[in-house]
Amino acid sequence: MADAMALNHDDPIETGDARISERHLISGALQCTLGKVIDLSAVGALVVTRSAPPQGLIPFEVADAHGSVRCAATIVWARRCGLFRHEAGVMFPSLNAEQLATVRRLIETHGLVNEYGQRREAA
């Protein structure tokens, strides 16, 4: 009976990694409302800010010269990494088809590629 109750360490929820979409490393050129985008996926982003990000649901925009996506985002976690450096995990609770297409275009345009032409995913 104890085995049936054991945690499954391959389950992302149990290991503390609840990602449901691949994260893609982004080149340094992509900015958002909070600061610099480090990685981006269809469901969220990792951003670096100069000050502590607000908590909860916030308006969020990420843009480049060809367009932008505006949506609601939830700050899922935040940590201070230096005097003027904070990192925040941002989740997009619901994107419509147009917003999702723009996020995918931003990943395609700004995602880092390895020497084999493959998209580099975040660890």
N, C-alpha and C. Protein backbone atom coordinates (compact mmCIF):
# COMPACT_ATOMS: atom_id res chain seq x y z
N MET A 1 0.81 -1.19 0.00
CA MET A 1 0.00 0.00 0.00
C MET A 1 0.86 1.26 0.00
N ALA A 2 2.00 1.18 0.65
CA ALA A 2 2.89 2.35 0.71
C ALA A 2 3.40 2.71 -0.67
N ASP A 3 3.64 1.70 -1.53
CA ASP A 3 4.13 1.99 -2.88
C ASP A 3 3.11 2.77 -3.70
N ALA A 4 1.84 2.47 -3.50
CA ALA A 4 0.79 3.16 -4.25
C ALA A 4 0.70 4.63 -3.84
N MET A 5 1.14 4.96 -2.65
CA MET A 5 1.07 6.33 -2.15
C MET A 5 2.36 7.11 -2.42
N ALA A 6 3.39 6.44 -2.92
CA ALA A 6 4.68 7.10 -3.14
C ALA A 6 4.56 8.17 -4.22
N LEU A 7 5.37 9.20 -4.08
CA LEU A 7 5.39 10.26 -5.08
C LEU A 7 6.02 9.75 -6.36
N ASN A 8 5.48 10.17 -7.47
CA ASN A 8 6.06 9.86 -8.77
C ASN A 8 7.01 11.00 -9.13
N HIS A 9 8.30 10.77 -9.06
CA HIS A 9 9.27 11.83 -9.31
C HIS A 9 9.39 12.20 -10.77
N ASP A 10 8.72 11.47 -11.66
CA ASP A 10 8.69 11.84 -13.07
C ASP A 10 7.53 12.79 -13.37
N ASP A 11 6.62 12.91 -12.42
CA ASP A 11 5.47 13.79 -12.57
C ASP A 11 5.92 15.22 -12.36
N PRO A 12 5.74 16.12 -13.35
CA PRO A 12 6.22 17.50 -13.20
C PRO A 12 5.62 18.22 -12.01
N ILE A 13 4.39 17.93 -11.64
CA ILE A 13 3.78 18.59 -10.50
C ILE A 13 4.51 18.20 -9.22
N GLU A 14 4.86 16.92 -9.09
CA GLU A 14 5.51 16.44 -7.89
C GLU A 14 6.95 16.92 -7.78
N THR A 15 7.62 17.16 -8.89
CA THR A 15 9.00 17.61 -8.85
C THR A 15 9.11 19.13 -8.79
N GLY A 16 7.98 19.82 -8.78
CA GLY A 16 8.00 21.28 -8.71
C GLY A 16 8.16 21.94 -10.07
N ASP A 17 8.05 21.19 -11.14
CA ASP A 17 8.19 21.71 -12.49
C ASP A 17 6.90 21.46 -13.25
N ALA A 18 5.99 22.39 -13.18
CA ALA A 18 4.66 22.19 -13.74
C ALA A 18 4.53 22.74 -15.16
N ARG A 19 5.62 22.88 -15.88
CA ARG A 19 5.56 23.43 -17.23
C ARG A 19 4.80 22.48 -18.16
N ILE A 20 3.95 23.07 -18.98
CA ILE A 20 3.20 22.27 -19.93
C ILE A 20 3.56 22.64 -21.36
N SER A 21 4.57 23.49 -21.53
CA SER A 21 4.99 23.92 -22.85
C SER A 21 6.49 24.16 -22.83
N GLU A 22 7.16 23.85 -23.94
CA GLU A 22 8.60 24.06 -24.02
C GLU A 22 8.93 25.54 -23.95
N ARG A 23 9.95 25.87 -23.18
CA ARG A 23 10.43 27.24 -23.09
C ARG A 23 11.57 27.41 -24.09
N HIS A 24 11.62 28.53 -24.75
CA HIS A 24 12.65 28.80 -25.75
C HIS A 24 13.49 29.99 -25.31
N LEU A 25 14.81 29.82 -25.28
CA LEU A 25 15.70 30.93 -24.96
C LEU A 25 15.54 32.01 -26.01
N ILE A 26 15.55 33.26 -25.57
CA ILE A 26 15.30 34.40 -26.44
C ILE A 26 16.54 35.27 -26.51
N SER A 27 16.81 35.81 -27.70
CA SER A 27 17.93 36.74 -27.84
C SER A 27 17.67 37.99 -27.02
N GLY A 28 18.70 38.73 -26.73
CA GLY A 28 18.60 39.89 -25.84
C GLY A 28 17.76 41.04 -26.33
N ALA A 29 17.24 40.96 -27.54
CA ALA A 29 16.54 42.10 -28.12
C ALA A 29 15.06 42.20 -27.75
N LEU A 30 14.50 41.19 -27.11
CA LEU A 30 13.07 41.19 -26.87
C LEU A 30 12.74 41.75 -25.48
N GLN A 31 11.94 42.80 -25.47
CA GLN A 31 11.56 43.47 -24.22
C GLN A 31 10.07 43.28 -23.97
N CYS A 32 9.69 43.41 -22.71
CA CYS A 32 8.27 43.34 -22.34
C CYS A 32 7.97 44.44 -21.34
N THR A 33 6.76 44.49 -20.88
CA THR A 33 6.33 45.53 -19.94
C THR A 33 7.18 45.54 -18.69
N LEU A 34 7.63 44.38 -18.24
CA LEU A 34 8.40 44.28 -17.01
C LEU A 34 9.89 44.49 -17.20
N GLY A 35 10.42 44.17 -18.37
CA GLY A 35 11.86 44.27 -18.61
C GLY A 35 12.28 43.41 -19.79
N LYS A 36 13.32 42.63 -19.59
CA LYS A 36 13.90 41.82 -20.66
C LYS A 36 13.37 40.38 -20.61
N VAL A 37 12.99 39.84 -21.77
CA VAL A 37 12.50 38.47 -21.85
C VAL A 37 13.70 37.53 -22.01
N ILE A 38 13.82 36.56 -21.10
CA ILE A 38 14.90 35.58 -21.14
C ILE A 38 14.47 34.33 -21.88
N ASP A 39 13.29 33.83 -21.54
CA ASP A 39 12.73 32.72 -22.30
C ASP A 39 11.24 32.92 -22.44
N LEU A 40 10.67 32.25 -23.47
CA LEU A 40 9.28 32.47 -23.81
C LEU A 40 8.67 31.15 -24.26
N SER A 41 7.42 30.96 -23.91
CA SER A 41 6.68 29.78 -24.38
C SER A 41 5.24 30.20 -24.64
N ALA A 42 4.45 29.26 -25.08
CA ALA A 42 3.04 29.54 -25.37
C ALA A 42 2.24 29.79 -24.10
N VAL A 43 2.81 29.46 -22.94
CA VAL A 43 2.06 29.64 -21.69
C VAL A 43 2.72 30.58 -20.70
N GLY A 44 3.90 31.12 -21.01
CA GLY A 44 4.53 32.02 -20.06
C GLY A 44 5.91 32.48 -20.48
N ALA A 45 6.60 33.13 -19.54
CA ALA A 45 7.91 33.68 -19.84
C ALA A 45 8.72 33.82 -18.55
N LEU A 46 10.02 33.90 -18.73
CA LEU A 46 10.94 34.29 -17.66
C LEU A 46 11.43 35.67 -18.03
N VAL A 47 11.28 36.62 -17.11
CA VAL A 47 11.71 37.99 -17.39
C VAL A 47 12.65 38.48 -16.31
N VAL A 48 13.50 39.42 -16.68
CA VAL A 48 14.40 40.08 -15.74
C VAL A 48 13.94 41.51 -15.62
N THR A 49 13.81 41.98 -14.38
CA THR A 49 13.36 43.34 -14.11
C THR A 49 14.37 44.07 -13.24
N ARG A 50 14.27 45.39 -13.20
CA ARG A 50 15.16 46.18 -12.34
C ARG A 50 14.62 46.30 -10.93
N SER A 51 13.32 46.10 -10.77
CA SER A 51 12.72 46.19 -9.42
C SER A 51 11.78 45.00 -9.22
N ALA A 52 11.35 44.82 -7.99
CA ALA A 52 10.46 43.71 -7.68
C ALA A 52 9.18 43.82 -8.51
N PRO A 53 8.78 42.75 -9.18
CA PRO A 53 7.57 42.82 -10.00
C PRO A 53 6.32 42.85 -9.12
N PRO A 54 5.23 43.38 -9.65
CA PRO A 54 3.98 43.37 -8.88
C PRO A 54 3.50 41.93 -8.69
N GLN A 55 2.62 41.73 -7.75
CA GLN A 55 2.09 40.39 -7.51
C GLN A 55 0.75 40.22 -8.22
N GLY A 56 0.40 38.98 -8.50
CA GLY A 56 -0.92 38.66 -9.04
C GLY A 56 -1.04 38.88 -10.53
N LEU A 57 -2.27 39.14 -10.96
CA LEU A 57 -2.60 39.31 -12.37
C LEU A 57 -2.27 40.73 -12.80
N ILE A 58 -1.53 40.84 -13.91
CA ILE A 58 -1.09 42.16 -14.40
C ILE A 58 -1.32 42.24 -15.91
N PRO A 59 -1.43 43.46 -16.46
CA PRO A 59 -1.41 43.61 -17.91
C PRO A 59 0.02 43.38 -18.39
N PHE A 60 0.19 42.69 -19.50
CA PHE A 60 1.52 42.30 -19.98
C PHE A 60 1.58 42.52 -21.48
N GLU A 61 2.70 43.04 -21.94
CA GLU A 61 2.90 43.22 -23.38
C GLU A 61 4.34 42.88 -23.72
N VAL A 62 4.51 42.15 -24.78
CA VAL A 62 5.83 41.87 -25.33
C VAL A 62 5.75 42.21 -26.82
N ALA A 63 6.77 42.93 -27.30
CA ALA A 63 6.68 43.46 -28.66
C ALA A 63 8.04 43.47 -29.34
N ASP A 64 7.99 43.47 -30.66
CA ASP A 64 9.17 43.74 -31.47
C ASP A 64 8.73 44.71 -32.57
N ALA A 65 9.59 44.96 -33.54
CA ALA A 65 9.28 45.93 -34.59
C ALA A 65 8.11 45.50 -35.47
N HIS A 66 7.75 44.22 -35.45
CA HIS A 66 6.71 43.70 -36.35
C HIS A 66 5.36 43.49 -35.69
N GLY A 67 5.26 43.72 -34.39
CA GLY A 67 3.98 43.55 -33.72
C GLY A 67 4.14 43.27 -32.25
N SER A 68 3.02 43.18 -31.58
CA SER A 68 3.06 42.94 -30.15
C SER A 68 1.92 42.03 -29.73
N VAL A 69 2.08 41.48 -28.56
CA VAL A 69 0.99 40.72 -27.96
C VAL A 69 0.72 41.35 -26.60
N ARG A 70 -0.55 41.68 -26.39
CA ARG A 70 -1.01 42.22 -25.10
C ARG A 70 -1.94 41.19 -24.51
N CYS A 71 -1.71 40.88 -23.24
CA CYS A 71 -2.54 39.88 -22.58
C CYS A 71 -2.47 40.09 -21.07
N ALA A 72 -3.27 39.32 -20.36
CA ALA A 72 -3.17 39.27 -18.91
C ALA A 72 -2.09 38.25 -18.57
N ALA A 73 -1.36 38.50 -17.52
CA ALA A 73 -0.32 37.57 -17.07
C ALA A 73 -0.35 37.50 -15.56
N THR A 74 0.02 36.35 -15.05
CA THR A 74 0.11 36.17 -13.61
C THR A 74 1.56 35.97 -13.23
N ILE A 75 2.03 36.73 -12.25
CA ILE A 75 3.37 36.52 -11.72
C ILE A 75 3.29 35.27 -10.83
N VAL A 76 3.96 34.20 -11.25
CA VAL A 76 3.87 32.94 -10.53
C VAL A 76 4.94 32.86 -9.45
N TRP A 77 6.09 33.44 -9.71
CA TRP A 77 7.17 33.49 -8.73
C TRP A 77 8.07 34.66 -9.06
N ALA A 78 8.81 35.11 -8.07
CA ALA A 78 9.78 36.19 -8.27
C ALA A 78 10.90 36.01 -7.26
N ARG A 79 12.10 36.42 -7.66
CA ARG A 79 13.23 36.37 -6.73
C ARG A 79 14.20 37.51 -7.06
N ARG A 80 14.85 37.98 -6.02
CA ARG A 80 15.86 39.03 -6.16
C ARG A 80 17.19 38.35 -6.47
N CYS A 81 17.87 38.86 -7.49
CA CYS A 81 19.15 38.26 -7.92
C CYS A 81 20.30 39.24 -7.81
N GLY A 82 20.04 40.42 -7.34
CA GLY A 82 21.06 41.45 -7.21
C GLY A 82 20.41 42.75 -6.78
N LEU A 83 21.22 43.80 -6.65
CA LEU A 83 20.71 45.08 -6.18
C LEU A 83 19.60 45.61 -7.09
N PHE A 84 19.81 45.58 -8.40
CA PHE A 84 18.81 46.06 -9.35
C PHE A 84 18.44 44.96 -10.34
N ARG A 85 18.36 43.73 -9.88
CA ARG A 85 18.01 42.61 -10.77
C ARG A 85 17.07 41.66 -10.04
N HIS A 86 15.93 41.46 -10.64
CA HIS A 86 14.93 40.52 -10.15
C HIS A 86 14.53 39.64 -11.33
N GLU A 87 14.23 38.39 -11.06
CA GLU A 87 13.69 37.49 -12.07
C GLU A 87 12.27 37.16 -11.68
N ALA A 88 11.42 36.96 -12.69
CA ALA A 88 10.03 36.61 -12.43
C ALA A 88 9.55 35.60 -13.46
N GLY A 89 8.81 34.63 -12.97
CA GLY A 89 8.12 33.68 -13.84
C GLY A 89 6.71 34.19 -14.07
N VAL A 90 6.36 34.33 -15.33
CA VAL A 90 5.07 34.90 -15.72
C VAL A 90 4.28 33.83 -16.47
N MET A 91 3.01 33.68 -16.14
CA MET A 91 2.15 32.73 -16.81
C MET A 91 1.04 33.47 -17.54
N PHE A 92 0.74 33.02 -18.76
CA PHE A 92 -0.37 33.58 -19.53
C PHE A 92 -1.58 32.68 -19.32
N PRO A 93 -2.56 33.09 -18.50
CA PRO A 93 -3.67 32.19 -18.19
C PRO A 93 -4.54 31.84 -19.39
N SER A 94 -4.69 32.77 -20.33
CA SER A 94 -5.53 32.45 -21.50
C SER A 94 -5.15 33.38 -22.65
N LEU A 95 -4.67 32.76 -23.71
CA LEU A 95 -4.35 33.49 -24.93
C LEU A 95 -5.36 33.08 -26.00
N ASN A 96 -5.83 34.05 -26.76
CA ASN A 96 -6.69 33.70 -27.89
C ASN A 96 -5.80 33.28 -29.06
N ALA A 97 -6.38 32.85 -30.15
CA ALA A 97 -5.63 32.32 -31.30
C ALA A 97 -4.66 33.37 -31.87
N GLU A 98 -5.09 34.61 -31.95
CA GLU A 98 -4.24 35.67 -32.50
C GLU A 98 -3.04 35.94 -31.58
N GLN A 99 -3.29 36.01 -30.27
CA GLN A 99 -2.20 36.22 -29.32
C GLN A 99 -1.20 35.06 -29.36
N LEU A 100 -1.71 33.84 -29.42
CA LEU A 100 -0.85 32.67 -29.48
C LEU A 100 -0.01 32.67 -30.75
N ALA A 101 -0.59 33.06 -31.86
CA ALA A 101 0.16 33.14 -33.12
C ALA A 101 1.28 34.17 -33.01
N THR A 102 1.02 35.29 -32.35
CA THR A 102 2.05 36.32 -32.18
C THR A 102 3.17 35.81 -31.27
N VAL A 103 2.83 35.13 -30.18
CA VAL A 103 3.86 34.57 -29.30
C VAL A 103 4.72 33.58 -30.09
N ARG A 104 4.11 32.74 -30.89
CA ARG A 104 4.88 31.77 -31.69
C ARG A 104 5.78 32.47 -32.70
N ARG A 105 5.30 33.57 -33.29
CA ARG A 105 6.13 34.33 -34.22
C ARG A 105 7.31 34.96 -33.48
N LEU A 106 7.07 35.48 -32.28
CA LEU A 106 8.16 36.06 -31.49
C LEU A 106 9.20 35.01 -31.15
N ILE A 107 8.77 33.80 -30.82
CA ILE A 107 9.71 32.71 -30.54
C ILE A 107 10.50 32.39 -31.80
N GLU A 108 9.81 32.30 -32.92
CA GLU A 108 10.48 31.96 -34.19
C GLU A 108 11.49 33.04 -34.59
N THR A 109 11.13 34.29 -34.37
CA THR A 109 11.99 35.41 -34.76
C THR A 109 13.15 35.62 -33.80
N HIS A 110 12.91 35.49 -32.50
CA HIS A 110 13.91 35.86 -31.50
C HIS A 110 14.52 34.69 -30.74
N GLY A 111 14.02 33.49 -30.99
CA GLY A 111 14.56 32.33 -30.30
C GLY A 111 15.97 32.03 -30.75
N LEU A 112 16.81 31.66 -29.80
CA LEU A 112 18.19 31.32 -30.13
C LEU A 112 18.24 29.95 -30.79
N VAL A 113 19.15 29.80 -31.73
CA VAL A 113 19.28 28.56 -32.50
C VAL A 113 20.68 28.02 -32.30
N ASN A 114 20.81 26.70 -32.14
CA ASN A 114 22.15 26.11 -31.98
C ASN A 114 22.83 25.95 -33.33
N GLU A 115 24.03 25.41 -33.32
CA GLU A 115 24.81 25.28 -34.56
C GLU A 115 24.19 24.33 -35.58
N TYR A 116 23.20 23.54 -35.16
CA TYR A 116 22.52 22.61 -36.06
C TYR A 116 21.19 23.17 -36.55
N GLY A 117 20.91 24.42 -36.24
CA GLY A 117 19.68 25.04 -36.68
C GLY A 117 18.48 24.68 -35.82
N GLN A 118 18.71 24.07 -34.67
CA GLN A 118 17.62 23.68 -33.78
C GLN A 118 17.39 24.77 -32.75
N ARG A 119 16.13 24.99 -32.39
CA ARG A 119 15.79 25.97 -31.35
C ARG A 119 16.39 25.52 -30.04
N ARG A 120 16.98 26.46 -29.33
CA ARG A 120 17.55 26.16 -28.01
C ARG A 120 16.47 26.32 -26.97
N GLU A 121 16.23 25.27 -26.23
CA GLU A 121 15.24 25.30 -25.17
C GLU A 121 15.92 25.65 -23.86
N ALA A 122 15.17 26.30 -23.00
CA ALA A 122 15.68 26.62 -21.67
C ALA A 122 15.75 25.37 -20.83
N ALA A 123 16.67 25.34 -19.90
CA ALA A 123 16.83 24.15 -19.03
C ALA A 123 15.67 23.96 -18.10
